[in-house]
C-alpha cells in the first residue's frame, strides 16, 4: 500500500466549479475506490447513516454516496483542510444523501453523532498513534447496534510479518515520520475488536497489498 498525499486540483476536465481549487485529490483513492466499493456493496446495510471516519479528501464519500442513494453518508475528519475539501466535493456533487463533514477526532469522547448503522474507516489506523485505533473501536462499540458493521481498509502485517516488500518500506517511512505510526498487526487489531465487543467476520485481500477487514458488533 502506498498512500499518496492529497494535492489540490484545479480542474476535473469538466465545467469549472468555484470550489475546484479546494477539492483535494488523492490518486490512490481513485485507484482503490471501486475495489473498496465492491466489498462495501456486500457488507453495508441497505439504509441508515453510515459514518466515515477520517474521510480525507472526500473522494470516497462522494463515490459511496453516489452508489447508495438509500444510505445517508456522514463524512468526518479532524483536519480543517480535509473538511474544506470534503465540503467542496459535496457541493460539486450535489448529492442529497451526503452530509456536511463532522469535525471528529476518534480520541474525543464526543463524536458529534450518537449512533450509526455502519462505520467505515479507510487508511487511518496506520497513520495515527495506536491510541487512535483503540479509541476507534471504543467509539464504534458505543454507537453501533448488534449486527452493525465496522469496515477497515489498509495495509496490515499478518502473524508479525509484512505481506509485501512495499508494505515493509511503507512501514519504515511511516515510523520515520512519527514513531507512533506504522502498519498494524491484524491480530492485534482483532484483539482490540474483541475487547470492544466485535467479531471479525471477513478479511479480503485487495489490490496493492491492502486488506478490507469487516467486523460485526456482537449481540
Protein backbone atom coordinates (compact mmCIF):
# COMPACT_ATOMS: atom_id res chain seq x y z
CA UNK A 1 0.00 0.00 0.00
CA UNK A 2 1.35 3.39 -0.97
CA UNK A 3 -0.79 6.26 0.23
CA UNK A 4 -0.07 9.35 -1.83
CA UNK A 5 -0.55 12.69 -0.07
CA UNK A 6 -3.55 14.55 -1.48
CA UNK A 7 -2.97 17.58 -3.64
CA UNK A 8 -5.30 20.35 -4.69
CA UNK A 9 -6.79 20.02 -8.14
CA UNK A 10 -7.88 22.99 -10.23
CA UNK A 11 -9.69 21.00 -12.88
CA UNK A 12 -11.53 17.72 -13.26
CA UNK A 13 -11.63 18.04 -17.01
CA UNK A 14 -15.24 19.21 -16.78
CA UNK A 15 -17.02 22.50 -16.21
CA UNK A 16 -15.02 24.61 -13.73
CA UNK A 17 -16.54 24.88 -10.28
CA UNK A 18 -15.83 27.71 -7.82
CA UNK A 19 -14.61 25.17 -5.23
CA UNK A 20 -12.30 23.35 -7.66
CA UNK A 21 -9.13 24.71 -6.04
CA UNK A 22 -10.27 23.44 -2.62
CA UNK A 23 -11.08 19.89 -3.72
CA UNK A 24 -8.09 17.75 -2.88
CA UNK A 25 -7.38 14.70 -4.99
CA UNK A 26 -5.52 11.57 -3.85
CA UNK A 27 -4.57 9.34 -6.80
CA UNK A 28 -4.65 6.30 -4.51
CA UNK A 29 -8.29 6.97 -3.68
CA UNK A 30 -9.16 6.93 -7.37
CA UNK A 31 -7.28 3.67 -7.86
CA UNK A 32 -8.81 1.76 -4.96
CA UNK A 33 -12.32 3.18 -4.74
CA UNK A 34 -14.02 0.59 -6.95
CA UNK A 35 -12.32 -2.33 -5.22
CA UNK A 36 -13.45 -0.96 -1.85
CA UNK A 37 -16.94 -0.36 -3.20
CA UNK A 38 -17.20 -4.00 -4.29
CA UNK A 39 -16.70 -5.16 -0.69
CA UNK A 40 -18.89 -2.47 0.86
CA UNK A 41 -21.70 -3.44 -1.50
CA UNK A 42 -21.82 -6.84 0.21
CA UNK A 43 -21.49 -5.75 3.84
CA UNK A 44 -23.20 -2.38 4.31
CA UNK A 45 -26.88 -2.16 5.33
CA UNK A 46 -29.41 -1.03 2.71
CA UNK A 47 -30.27 2.14 4.63
CA UNK A 48 -29.47 4.30 7.61
CA UNK A 49 -26.50 6.54 8.39
CA UNK A 50 -23.01 5.31 7.51
CA UNK A 51 -20.32 7.20 9.40
CA UNK A 52 -16.98 7.51 7.62
CA UNK A 53 -14.03 8.16 9.94
CA UNK A 54 -11.08 10.19 8.60
CA UNK A 55 -12.64 10.91 5.21
CA UNK A 56 -9.54 12.75 3.98
CA UNK A 57 -10.07 14.34 0.56
CA UNK A 58 -13.75 13.36 0.42
CA UNK A 59 -13.41 11.32 -2.77
CA UNK A 60 -14.57 8.08 -1.16
CA UNK A 61 -17.53 9.86 0.44
CA UNK A 62 -18.77 11.10 -2.93
CA UNK A 63 -18.16 7.75 -4.63
CA UNK A 64 -20.05 5.82 -1.95
CA UNK A 65 -22.93 8.28 -1.64
CA UNK A 66 -23.40 8.11 -5.41
CA UNK A 67 -23.50 4.31 -5.27
CA UNK A 68 -26.10 4.10 -2.46
CA UNK A 69 -28.79 6.78 -2.68
CA UNK A 70 -30.70 4.97 0.09
CA UNK A 71 -27.86 5.47 2.57
CA UNK A 72 -27.01 8.75 4.27
CA UNK A 73 -23.23 9.08 4.13
CA UNK A 74 -21.73 11.04 7.03
CA UNK A 75 -18.09 12.03 6.38
CA UNK A 76 -15.75 13.32 9.08
CA UNK A 77 -12.18 14.41 9.64
CA UNK A 78 -10.26 16.13 12.45
CA UNK A 79 -8.32 18.27 9.96
CA UNK A 80 -9.91 21.56 8.89
CA UNK A 81 -8.28 21.49 5.45
CA UNK A 82 -9.63 18.00 4.83
CA UNK A 83 -13.11 19.11 5.88
CA UNK A 84 -12.90 22.01 3.44
CA UNK A 85 -12.04 19.55 0.69
CA UNK A 86 -14.90 17.22 1.68
CA UNK A 87 -17.33 20.16 1.72
CA UNK A 88 -16.13 21.26 -1.71
CA UNK A 89 -16.57 17.75 -3.15
CA UNK A 90 -20.04 17.64 -1.56
CA UNK A 91 -21.01 20.94 -3.17
CA UNK A 92 -19.58 19.81 -6.50
CA UNK A 93 -21.50 16.51 -6.43
CA UNK A 94 -24.83 17.95 -5.33
CA UNK A 95 -25.69 14.67 -3.59
CA UNK A 96 -28.64 14.99 -1.21
CA UNK A 97 -27.56 11.94 0.82
CA UNK A 98 -24.04 13.24 1.51
CA UNK A 99 -23.91 15.18 4.77
CA UNK A 100 -21.59 18.03 5.68
CA UNK A 101 -18.37 16.74 7.30
CA UNK A 102 -18.08 16.46 11.08
CA UNK A 103 -15.03 17.71 12.96
CA UNK A 104 -14.47 14.30 14.51
CA UNK A 105 -11.37 13.10 16.37
CA UNK A 106 -11.82 9.49 17.45
CA UNK A 107 -9.86 10.11 20.65
CA UNK A 108 -12.53 12.59 21.83
CA UNK A 109 -15.46 11.25 23.81
CA UNK A 110 -17.97 13.30 21.81
CA UNK A 111 -18.02 12.32 18.15
CA UNK A 112 -20.92 14.59 17.30
CA UNK A 113 -23.05 11.60 16.37
CA UNK A 114 -24.78 9.22 18.78
CA UNK A 115 -25.42 6.21 16.56
CA UNK A 116 -24.84 4.83 13.07
CA UNK A 117 -25.93 1.85 11.03
CA UNK A 118 -22.31 1.18 10.00
CA UNK A 119 -18.87 2.76 10.32
CA UNK A 120 -16.22 2.90 7.57
CA UNK A 121 -12.57 3.79 8.18
CA UNK A 122 -10.18 3.82 5.22
CA UNK A 123 -6.41 4.24 5.61
CA UNK A 124 -6.42 5.69 9.12
CA UNK A 125 -5.08 3.43 11.84
CA UNK A 126 -1.55 3.16 10.38
CA UNK A 127 -1.24 6.95 10.00
CA UNK A 128 -2.15 7.65 13.62
CA UNK A 129 -0.98 6.57 17.09
CA UNK A 130 -2.17 3.19 18.34
CA UNK A 131 -4.39 5.08 20.79
CA UNK A 132 -6.48 6.17 17.81
CA UNK A 133 -7.19 2.55 16.88
CA UNK A 134 -8.19 1.83 20.47
CA UNK A 135 -10.48 4.86 20.50
CA UNK A 136 -11.97 3.89 17.14
CA UNK A 137 -13.17 0.55 18.47
CA UNK A 138 -14.41 2.01 21.75
CA UNK A 139 -16.37 4.69 19.93
CA UNK A 140 -17.72 2.28 17.33
CA UNK A 141 -18.80 -0.13 20.05
CA UNK A 142 -20.79 2.63 21.73
CA UNK A 143 -22.54 3.72 18.52
CA UNK A 144 -23.29 0.54 16.60
CA UNK A 145 -26.16 -1.79 17.44
CA UNK A 146 -25.91 -5.57 17.38
CA UNK A 147 -25.04 -6.68 13.85
CA UNK A 148 -23.65 -3.26 12.94
CA UNK A 149 -20.61 -3.34 10.63
CA UNK A 150 -17.24 -1.70 11.21
CA UNK A 151 -15.22 -1.76 7.98
CA UNK A 152 -11.48 -1.05 7.93
CA UNK A 153 -9.22 -0.79 4.90
CA UNK A 154 -5.45 -0.50 4.63
CA UNK A 155 -2.16 -2.43 4.87
CA UNK A 156 -1.62 -5.00 7.63
CA UNK A 157 1.03 -7.37 8.86
CA UNK A 158 -0.06 -10.98 9.25
CA UNK A 159 1.37 -13.03 12.11
CA UNK A 160 4.02 -10.37 12.71
CA UNK A 161 5.28 -10.30 9.11
CA UNK A 162 4.72 -7.87 6.26
CA UNK A 163 2.78 -9.20 3.32
CA UNK A 164 4.96 -7.49 0.70
CA UNK A 165 8.32 -5.65 0.50
CA UNK A 166 6.47 -2.46 -0.49
CA UNK A 167 4.49 -2.59 2.76
CA UNK A 168 7.68 -3.03 4.77
CA UNK A 169 9.18 0.04 3.08
CA UNK A 170 5.98 1.97 3.68
CA UNK A 171 6.05 0.96 7.36
CA UNK A 172 9.60 2.26 7.70
CA UNK A 173 8.58 5.53 6.04
CA UNK A 174 5.65 5.94 8.42
CA UNK A 175 7.76 5.27 11.51
CA UNK A 176 10.41 7.70 10.29
CA UNK A 177 7.75 10.39 10.09
CA UNK A 178 6.30 9.52 13.51
CA UNK A 179 7.44 6.59 15.70
CA UNK A 180 3.84 6.16 16.87
CA UNK A 181 2.67 5.34 13.34
CA UNK A 182 3.11 2.11 11.41
CA UNK A 183 1.47 -0.81 9.60
CA UNK A 184 -0.52 -2.69 12.24
CA UNK A 185 -0.65 -6.39 13.05
CA UNK A 186 -4.06 -7.68 12.04
CA UNK A 187 -4.08 -9.98 15.05
CA UNK A 188 -3.59 -7.01 17.38
CA UNK A 189 -6.44 -5.16 15.68
CA UNK A 190 -8.66 -8.22 16.02
CA UNK A 191 -7.84 -8.33 19.75
CA UNK A 192 -8.96 -4.70 20.06
CA UNK A 193 -12.17 -5.62 18.28
CA UNK A 194 -12.94 -8.49 20.64
CA UNK A 195 -12.36 -6.27 23.64
CA UNK A 196 -14.85 -3.74 22.23
CA UNK A 197 -17.50 -6.37 21.52
CA UNK A 198 -16.85 -7.09 17.83
CA UNK A 199 -16.24 -10.28 15.87
CA UNK A 200 -14.03 -10.45 12.80
CA UNK A 201 -16.27 -11.85 10.07
CA UNK A 202 -14.21 -11.38 6.92
CA UNK A 203 -10.83 -10.33 5.56
CA UNK A 204 -10.50 -9.62 1.86
CA UNK A 205 -7.16 -9.31 0.06
CA UNK A 206 -7.22 -6.14 -2.01
CA UNK A 207 -5.04 -4.62 -4.74
CA UNK A 208 -1.68 -3.05 -3.79
CA UNK A 209 -1.22 -5.41 -0.80
CA UNK A 210 -4.09 -3.96 1.23
CA UNK A 211 -6.92 -5.67 3.09
CA UNK A 212 -10.57 -4.97 3.71
CA UNK A 213 -11.37 -6.10 7.25
CA UNK A 214 -15.00 -6.47 8.28
CA UNK A 215 -16.11 -6.59 11.91
CA UNK A 216 -19.61 -7.07 13.26
CA UNK A 217 -20.95 -5.83 16.60
CA UNK A 218 -21.90 -8.71 18.89
CA UNK A 219 -25.39 -9.06 20.31
